[in-house]
């Protein structure tokens, strides 16, 4: 098998709770984008190159992918785990890496369990929702006479 660049994934599962809702409101997609940038920057600050990064879903159920150049991915996994701990999100996070030899996700944190990777149907539904929302925002901006720029 050809050697491929390591892929790291993170899945957050912040429970719905009245106390947590103040810090983690539902449907917060902006925070997902910010966390992706923060984690990517943290990996790069550790001296690693991130070839690509992606994210989806609202923060409380968000999913992140990072393709890094260095093999094995241990330093990148450690950097992500450290940043999630520093931000207080580690308790609700799963961190995994893609085992390209066996084509499975292996958990780095927590040490046991099954990685909760979203299904293709979940991805497709999220993309549709994001596209519809963007269209509504653009119509709102046009009706308000603003371009958002």
N, C-alpha and C. Protein backbone atom coordinates (compact mmCIF):
# COMPACT_ATOMS: atom_id res chain seq x y z
N UNK A 1 0.83 -1.18 0.00
CA UNK A 1 0.00 0.00 0.00
C UNK A 1 0.88 1.25 0.00
N UNK A 2 0.47 2.25 -0.74
CA UNK A 2 1.21 3.50 -0.78
C UNK A 2 1.06 4.24 0.54
N UNK A 3 2.14 4.85 0.99
CA UNK A 3 2.08 5.65 2.21
C UNK A 3 1.29 6.92 1.91
N UNK A 4 0.34 7.22 2.79
CA UNK A 4 -0.45 8.43 2.64
C UNK A 4 -0.24 9.29 3.87
N UNK A 5 -0.57 10.55 3.73
CA UNK A 5 -0.43 11.46 4.85
C UNK A 5 -1.44 11.12 5.94
N UNK A 6 -1.02 11.22 7.19
CA UNK A 6 -1.92 10.91 8.30
C UNK A 6 -3.12 11.86 8.34
N UNK A 7 -4.25 11.33 8.72
CA UNK A 7 -5.47 12.11 8.89
C UNK A 7 -5.88 12.01 10.35
N UNK A 8 -6.11 13.17 10.95
CA UNK A 8 -6.55 13.26 12.34
C UNK A 8 -7.98 13.77 12.33
N UNK A 9 -8.80 13.21 13.19
CA UNK A 9 -10.19 13.65 13.29
C UNK A 9 -10.54 13.95 14.74
N UNK A 10 -11.42 14.91 14.91
CA UNK A 10 -11.92 15.28 16.24
C UNK A 10 -13.44 15.33 16.14
N UNK A 11 -14.11 14.78 17.13
CA UNK A 11 -15.57 14.88 17.21
C UNK A 11 -15.93 15.38 18.60
N UNK A 12 -16.71 16.45 18.67
CA UNK A 12 -17.21 16.95 19.94
C UNK A 12 -18.64 16.47 20.15
N UNK A 13 -18.97 16.16 21.38
CA UNK A 13 -20.32 15.76 21.76
C UNK A 13 -20.64 16.42 23.09
N UNK A 14 -20.95 17.71 23.03
CA UNK A 14 -21.28 18.47 24.23
C UNK A 14 -22.74 18.20 24.55
N UNK A 15 -23.03 17.69 25.74
CA UNK A 15 -24.42 17.33 26.06
C UNK A 15 -25.32 18.56 26.19
N UNK A 16 -26.59 18.33 25.90
CA UNK A 16 -27.57 19.39 26.08
C UNK A 16 -27.91 19.47 27.56
N UNK A 17 -27.63 20.59 28.17
CA UNK A 17 -27.89 20.80 29.59
C UNK A 17 -28.10 22.28 29.81
N UNK A 18 -29.02 22.63 30.67
CA UNK A 18 -29.36 24.03 30.88
C UNK A 18 -28.14 24.85 31.31
N UNK A 19 -27.26 24.29 32.12
CA UNK A 19 -26.07 25.02 32.55
C UNK A 19 -25.06 25.20 31.42
N UNK A 20 -24.93 24.19 30.57
CA UNK A 20 -23.98 24.27 29.46
C UNK A 20 -24.48 25.17 28.34
N UNK A 21 -25.80 25.34 28.24
CA UNK A 21 -26.37 26.15 27.16
C UNK A 21 -25.89 27.59 27.18
N UNK A 22 -25.53 28.09 28.33
CA UNK A 22 -25.03 29.46 28.42
C UNK A 22 -23.68 29.60 27.75
N UNK A 23 -22.85 28.59 27.86
CA UNK A 23 -21.51 28.63 27.25
C UNK A 23 -21.49 28.03 25.84
N UNK A 24 -22.37 27.07 25.61
CA UNK A 24 -22.39 26.35 24.34
C UNK A 24 -23.79 26.37 23.75
N UNK A 25 -24.22 27.52 23.21
CA UNK A 25 -25.58 27.60 22.66
C UNK A 25 -25.75 26.68 21.45
N UNK A 26 -26.96 26.21 21.25
CA UNK A 26 -27.24 25.34 20.11
C UNK A 26 -27.04 26.09 18.80
N UNK A 27 -26.71 25.34 17.76
CA UNK A 27 -26.60 25.85 16.39
C UNK A 27 -25.48 26.86 16.18
N UNK A 28 -24.44 26.81 16.98
CA UNK A 28 -23.33 27.75 16.86
C UNK A 28 -22.31 27.22 15.85
N UNK A 29 -22.46 27.63 14.61
CA UNK A 29 -21.55 27.18 13.55
C UNK A 29 -20.30 28.05 13.45
N UNK A 30 -20.43 29.29 13.88
CA UNK A 30 -19.28 30.19 13.86
C UNK A 30 -18.17 29.63 14.75
N UNK A 31 -18.54 29.11 15.92
CA UNK A 31 -17.55 28.56 16.84
C UNK A 31 -16.84 27.35 16.24
N UNK A 32 -17.54 26.58 15.42
CA UNK A 32 -16.91 25.43 14.74
C UNK A 32 -15.78 25.91 13.85
N UNK A 33 -16.02 26.97 13.09
CA UNK A 33 -14.97 27.51 12.21
C UNK A 33 -13.80 28.05 13.01
N UNK A 34 -14.11 28.74 14.10
CA UNK A 34 -13.04 29.29 14.94
C UNK A 34 -12.20 28.18 15.57
N UNK A 35 -12.86 27.13 16.05
CA UNK A 35 -12.11 26.02 16.67
C UNK A 35 -11.25 25.30 15.64
N UNK A 36 -11.75 25.15 14.42
CA UNK A 36 -10.93 24.53 13.37
C UNK A 36 -9.66 25.34 13.14
N UNK A 37 -9.79 26.65 13.05
CA UNK A 37 -8.61 27.51 12.85
C UNK A 37 -7.67 27.41 14.04
N UNK A 38 -8.23 27.39 15.25
CA UNK A 38 -7.40 27.29 16.45
C UNK A 38 -6.63 25.98 16.47
N UNK A 39 -7.30 24.86 16.19
CA UNK A 39 -6.62 23.56 16.21
C UNK A 39 -5.57 23.47 15.10
N UNK A 40 -5.90 23.98 13.92
CA UNK A 40 -4.92 23.98 12.82
C UNK A 40 -3.69 24.79 13.21
N UNK A 41 -3.91 25.97 13.76
CA UNK A 41 -2.78 26.81 14.17
C UNK A 41 -1.96 26.14 15.26
N UNK A 42 -2.61 25.43 16.16
CA UNK A 42 -1.90 24.73 17.24
C UNK A 42 -1.01 23.62 16.67
N UNK A 43 -1.53 22.89 15.69
CA UNK A 43 -0.73 21.83 15.04
C UNK A 43 0.47 22.46 14.34
N UNK A 44 0.24 23.56 13.64
CA UNK A 44 1.33 24.22 12.91
C UNK A 44 2.35 24.85 13.87
N UNK A 45 1.88 25.34 15.01
CA UNK A 45 2.79 25.89 16.02
C UNK A 45 3.70 24.80 16.59
N UNK A 46 3.23 23.56 16.56
CA UNK A 46 4.05 22.43 17.01
C UNK A 46 5.10 22.06 15.97
N UNK A 47 5.15 22.82 14.87
CA UNK A 47 6.16 22.59 13.84
C UNK A 47 5.75 21.61 12.76
N UNK A 48 4.46 21.34 12.63
CA UNK A 48 3.96 20.39 11.64
C UNK A 48 3.24 21.13 10.52
N UNK A 49 3.23 20.54 9.35
CA UNK A 49 2.53 21.11 8.22
C UNK A 49 1.16 20.47 8.09
N UNK A 50 0.13 21.29 8.02
CA UNK A 50 -1.23 20.82 7.79
C UNK A 50 -1.54 21.02 6.31
N UNK A 51 -1.73 19.92 5.59
CA UNK A 51 -2.01 20.01 4.15
C UNK A 51 -3.43 20.46 3.89
N UNK A 52 -4.36 20.02 4.74
CA UNK A 52 -5.75 20.44 4.58
C UNK A 52 -6.47 20.29 5.91
N UNK A 53 -7.55 21.06 6.03
CA UNK A 53 -8.40 20.95 7.22
C UNK A 53 -9.83 21.20 6.80
N UNK A 54 -10.75 20.59 7.52
CA UNK A 54 -12.16 20.75 7.21
C UNK A 54 -12.94 20.57 8.51
N UNK A 55 -14.15 21.10 8.52
CA UNK A 55 -15.01 20.95 9.69
C UNK A 55 -16.46 21.02 9.26
N UNK A 56 -17.32 20.59 10.15
CA UNK A 56 -18.75 20.65 9.86
C UNK A 56 -19.57 20.57 11.13
N UNK A 57 -20.82 20.90 10.99
CA UNK A 57 -21.82 20.81 12.04
C UNK A 57 -21.68 21.94 13.06
N UNK A 58 -22.70 22.10 13.85
CA UNK A 58 -22.66 23.10 14.92
C UNK A 58 -21.72 22.61 16.01
N UNK A 59 -21.18 23.54 16.78
CA UNK A 59 -20.10 23.24 17.72
C UNK A 59 -20.40 22.04 18.63
N UNK A 60 -21.59 21.97 19.16
CA UNK A 60 -21.89 20.93 20.15
C UNK A 60 -21.83 19.51 19.58
N UNK A 61 -21.86 19.35 18.27
CA UNK A 61 -21.73 18.04 17.61
C UNK A 61 -20.74 18.14 16.45
N UNK A 62 -19.75 19.01 16.57
CA UNK A 62 -18.86 19.31 15.46
C UNK A 62 -17.88 18.18 15.15
N UNK A 63 -17.34 18.24 13.93
CA UNK A 63 -16.42 17.24 13.41
C UNK A 63 -15.32 17.97 12.66
N UNK A 64 -14.07 17.54 12.86
CA UNK A 64 -12.91 18.21 12.26
C UNK A 64 -11.99 17.16 11.65
N UNK A 65 -11.40 17.50 10.50
CA UNK A 65 -10.40 16.65 9.85
C UNK A 65 -9.17 17.48 9.55
N UNK A 66 -8.01 16.93 9.84
CA UNK A 66 -6.73 17.57 9.55
C UNK A 66 -5.82 16.55 8.88
N UNK A 67 -5.31 16.88 7.71
CA UNK A 67 -4.32 16.03 7.04
C UNK A 67 -2.96 16.67 7.31
N UNK A 68 -2.08 15.90 7.93
CA UNK A 68 -0.76 16.41 8.28
C UNK A 68 0.31 15.66 7.48
N UNK A 69 1.49 16.25 7.41
CA UNK A 69 2.55 15.67 6.59
C UNK A 69 3.35 14.63 7.37
N UNK A 70 3.55 14.84 8.64
CA UNK A 70 4.43 13.97 9.43
C UNK A 70 3.80 12.63 9.77
N UNK A 71 4.59 11.56 9.59
CA UNK A 71 4.20 10.21 10.01
C UNK A 71 5.17 9.75 11.07
N UNK A 72 4.73 9.11 12.12
CA UNK A 72 3.33 8.96 12.53
C UNK A 72 2.77 10.28 13.03
N UNK A 73 1.49 10.28 13.32
CA UNK A 73 0.78 11.52 13.65
C UNK A 73 0.81 11.87 15.13
N UNK A 74 1.65 11.22 15.89
CA UNK A 74 1.68 11.40 17.35
C UNK A 74 1.82 12.83 17.83
N UNK A 75 2.72 13.59 17.23
CA UNK A 75 2.90 14.98 17.68
C UNK A 75 1.67 15.84 17.38
N UNK A 76 1.04 15.60 16.24
CA UNK A 76 -0.17 16.35 15.89
C UNK A 76 -1.31 15.97 16.83
N UNK A 77 -1.45 14.69 17.12
CA UNK A 77 -2.48 14.24 18.06
C UNK A 77 -2.28 14.88 19.43
N UNK A 78 -1.03 14.93 19.88
CA UNK A 78 -0.72 15.53 21.18
C UNK A 78 -1.04 17.03 21.19
N UNK A 79 -0.74 17.71 20.09
CA UNK A 79 -1.02 19.15 20.01
C UNK A 79 -2.52 19.42 20.08
N UNK A 80 -3.30 18.62 19.37
CA UNK A 80 -4.76 18.78 19.39
C UNK A 80 -5.30 18.50 20.79
N UNK A 81 -4.82 17.44 21.40
CA UNK A 81 -5.29 17.09 22.74
C UNK A 81 -4.95 18.20 23.75
N UNK A 82 -3.75 18.73 23.67
CA UNK A 82 -3.35 19.82 24.57
C UNK A 82 -4.24 21.04 24.39
N UNK A 83 -4.56 21.39 23.15
CA UNK A 83 -5.39 22.58 22.90
C UNK A 83 -6.82 22.36 23.37
N UNK A 84 -7.35 21.17 23.14
CA UNK A 84 -8.71 20.89 23.62
C UNK A 84 -8.77 20.91 25.14
N UNK A 85 -7.71 20.45 25.79
CA UNK A 85 -7.65 20.52 27.25
C UNK A 85 -7.59 21.97 27.72
N UNK A 86 -6.78 22.78 27.04
CA UNK A 86 -6.62 24.19 27.42
C UNK A 86 -7.92 24.97 27.25
N UNK A 87 -8.74 24.59 26.27
CA UNK A 87 -10.00 25.29 26.03
C UNK A 87 -11.16 24.71 26.83
N UNK A 88 -10.91 23.64 27.58
CA UNK A 88 -11.96 23.04 28.39
C UNK A 88 -12.89 22.11 27.63
N UNK A 89 -12.52 21.72 26.42
CA UNK A 89 -13.38 20.89 25.59
C UNK A 89 -13.00 19.41 25.58
N UNK A 90 -11.87 19.06 26.17
CA UNK A 90 -11.37 17.69 26.06
C UNK A 90 -12.34 16.66 26.64
N UNK A 91 -13.04 17.01 27.70
CA UNK A 91 -13.97 16.06 28.33
C UNK A 91 -15.06 15.59 27.37
N UNK A 92 -15.39 16.40 26.36
CA UNK A 92 -16.45 16.06 25.42
C UNK A 92 -15.91 15.69 24.04
N UNK A 93 -14.61 15.46 23.94
CA UNK A 93 -13.99 15.24 22.64
C UNK A 93 -13.53 13.80 22.45
N UNK A 94 -13.59 13.38 21.20
CA UNK A 94 -12.91 12.17 20.74
C UNK A 94 -11.86 12.64 19.75
N UNK A 95 -10.66 12.10 19.86
CA UNK A 95 -9.58 12.41 18.93
C UNK A 95 -9.12 11.08 18.33
N UNK A 96 -9.06 11.03 17.01
CA UNK A 96 -8.72 9.76 16.35
C UNK A 96 -7.77 10.01 15.19
N UNK A 97 -7.16 8.94 14.73
CA UNK A 97 -6.34 8.99 13.53
C UNK A 97 -6.75 7.83 12.63
N UNK A 98 -6.61 8.04 11.34
CA UNK A 98 -7.02 7.04 10.36
C UNK A 98 -5.89 6.05 10.13
N UNK A 99 -6.14 4.79 10.47
CA UNK A 99 -5.19 3.71 10.21
C UNK A 99 -5.36 3.32 8.75
N UNK A 100 -4.44 3.78 7.90
CA UNK A 100 -4.56 3.56 6.46
C UNK A 100 -4.28 2.11 6.06
N UNK A 101 -3.60 1.36 6.93
CA UNK A 101 -3.33 -0.04 6.62
C UNK A 101 -4.58 -0.90 6.80
N UNK A 102 -5.32 -0.63 7.88
CA UNK A 102 -6.51 -1.43 8.18
C UNK A 102 -7.81 -0.69 7.85
N UNK A 103 -7.70 0.56 7.39
CA UNK A 103 -8.84 1.37 6.99
C UNK A 103 -9.88 1.51 8.09
N UNK A 104 -9.40 1.83 9.29
CA UNK A 104 -10.27 2.07 10.43
C UNK A 104 -9.78 3.30 11.17
N UNK A 105 -10.67 3.90 11.96
CA UNK A 105 -10.30 5.01 12.83
C UNK A 105 -9.85 4.45 14.17
N UNK A 106 -8.72 4.92 14.68
CA UNK A 106 -8.18 4.51 15.98
C UNK A 106 -8.26 5.68 16.94
N UNK A 107 -8.82 5.45 18.10
CA UNK A 107 -8.93 6.52 19.08
C UNK A 107 -7.60 6.80 19.75
N UNK A 108 -7.29 8.06 19.88
CA UNK A 108 -6.15 8.51 20.66
C UNK A 108 -6.65 9.01 22.02
N UNK A 109 -7.83 9.64 22.01
CA UNK A 109 -8.48 10.09 23.24
C UNK A 109 -9.99 9.98 23.05
N UNK A 110 -10.72 9.39 23.97
CA UNK A 110 -10.22 8.56 25.06
C UNK A 110 -9.59 7.29 24.51
N UNK A 111 -8.97 6.54 25.35
CA UNK A 111 -8.22 5.36 24.90
C UNK A 111 -9.11 4.21 24.45
N UNK A 112 -10.36 4.19 24.90
CA UNK A 112 -11.26 3.08 24.55
C UNK A 112 -12.53 3.64 23.95
N UNK A 113 -13.20 2.83 23.14
CA UNK A 113 -14.47 3.22 22.55
C UNK A 113 -14.43 3.13 21.04
N UNK A 114 -15.51 3.55 20.43
CA UNK A 114 -15.64 3.56 18.97
C UNK A 114 -15.75 5.01 18.54
N UNK A 115 -14.97 5.39 17.54
CA UNK A 115 -14.98 6.76 17.06
C UNK A 115 -16.32 7.08 16.40
N UNK A 116 -16.92 8.20 16.78
CA UNK A 116 -18.24 8.61 16.32
C UNK A 116 -18.11 9.48 15.07
N UNK A 117 -17.74 8.85 13.96
CA UNK A 117 -17.61 9.58 12.70
C UNK A 117 -18.99 9.78 12.10
N UNK A 118 -19.31 11.01 11.66
CA UNK A 118 -20.62 11.25 11.06
C UNK A 118 -20.79 10.45 9.77
N UNK A 119 -22.03 10.08 9.49
CA UNK A 119 -22.34 9.34 8.26
C UNK A 119 -22.37 10.31 7.07
N UNK A 120 -22.34 9.77 5.88
CA UNK A 120 -22.42 10.60 4.67
C UNK A 120 -23.75 11.34 4.64
N UNK A 121 -24.82 10.69 5.10
CA UNK A 121 -26.13 11.34 5.14
C UNK A 121 -26.11 12.56 6.06
N UNK A 122 -25.42 12.45 7.21
CA UNK A 122 -25.31 13.60 8.12
C UNK A 122 -24.53 14.74 7.45
N UNK A 123 -23.44 14.39 6.75
CA UNK A 123 -22.67 15.41 6.03
C UNK A 123 -23.54 16.11 4.98
N UNK A 124 -24.26 15.32 4.20
CA UNK A 124 -25.09 15.88 3.14
C UNK A 124 -26.17 16.80 3.70
N UNK A 125 -26.81 16.38 4.79
CA UNK A 125 -27.85 17.21 5.42
C UNK A 125 -27.25 18.50 5.96
N UNK A 126 -26.06 18.42 6.53
CA UNK A 126 -25.41 19.61 7.07
C UNK A 126 -25.04 20.59 5.95
N UNK A 127 -24.56 20.08 4.84
CA UNK A 127 -24.21 20.93 3.70
C UNK A 127 -25.46 21.61 3.15
N UNK A 128 -26.57 20.87 3.04
CA UNK A 128 -27.82 21.47 2.57
C UNK A 128 -28.28 22.58 3.51
N UNK A 129 -28.22 22.31 4.81
CA UNK A 129 -28.65 23.32 5.80
C UNK A 129 -27.77 24.57 5.72
N UNK A 130 -26.46 24.37 5.62
CA UNK A 130 -25.55 25.51 5.53
C UNK A 130 -25.80 26.31 4.26
N UNK A 131 -26.04 25.64 3.14
CA UNK A 131 -26.30 26.33 1.87
C UNK A 131 -27.60 27.13 1.94
N UNK A 132 -28.65 26.51 2.48
CA UNK A 132 -29.93 27.20 2.62
C UNK A 132 -29.81 28.42 3.52
N UNK A 133 -29.06 28.27 4.60
CA UNK A 133 -28.87 29.39 5.53
C UNK A 133 -28.11 30.52 4.86
N UNK A 134 -27.08 30.19 4.11
CA UNK A 134 -26.31 31.21 3.39
C UNK A 134 -27.19 31.95 2.39
N UNK A 135 -28.04 31.23 1.68
CA UNK A 135 -28.95 31.89 0.74
C UNK A 135 -29.88 32.85 1.47
N UNK A 136 -30.41 32.44 2.62
CA UNK A 136 -31.30 33.32 3.39
C UNK A 136 -30.56 34.57 3.87
N UNK A 137 -29.33 34.39 4.30
CA UNK A 137 -28.53 35.54 4.76
C UNK A 137 -28.30 36.51 3.61
N UNK A 138 -27.97 35.98 2.43
CA UNK A 138 -27.74 36.84 1.28
C UNK A 138 -29.00 37.61 0.90
N UNK A 139 -30.17 36.96 0.97
CA UNK A 139 -31.43 37.64 0.68
C UNK A 139 -31.71 38.72 1.72
N UNK A 140 -31.42 38.41 2.98
CA UNK A 140 -31.61 39.39 4.04
C UNK A 140 -30.71 40.60 3.83
N UNK A 141 -29.45 40.35 3.45
CA UNK A 141 -28.52 41.44 3.20
C UNK A 141 -28.99 42.29 2.03
N UNK A 142 -29.52 41.66 0.98
CA UNK A 142 -30.02 42.40 -0.17
C UNK A 142 -31.23 43.26 0.22
N UNK A 143 -32.12 42.71 1.01
CA UNK A 143 -33.31 43.46 1.41
C UNK A 143 -32.95 44.61 2.37
N UNK A 144 -31.89 44.43 3.15
CA UNK A 144 -31.43 45.48 4.06
C UNK A 144 -30.49 46.47 3.38
N UNK A 145 -30.08 46.16 2.15
CA UNK A 145 -29.17 47.03 1.43
C UNK A 145 -27.73 46.91 1.90
N UNK A 146 -27.39 45.77 2.56
CA UNK A 146 -26.02 45.54 3.00
C UNK A 146 -25.44 44.37 2.25
N UNK A 147 -24.16 44.41 2.07
CA UNK A 147 -23.48 43.32 1.37
C UNK A 147 -22.71 42.43 2.32
N UNK A 148 -22.59 42.85 3.57
CA UNK A 148 -21.81 42.07 4.52
C UNK A 148 -20.32 42.29 4.39
N UNK A 149 -19.92 43.25 3.56
CA UNK A 149 -18.50 43.49 3.34
C UNK A 149 -18.06 44.72 4.07
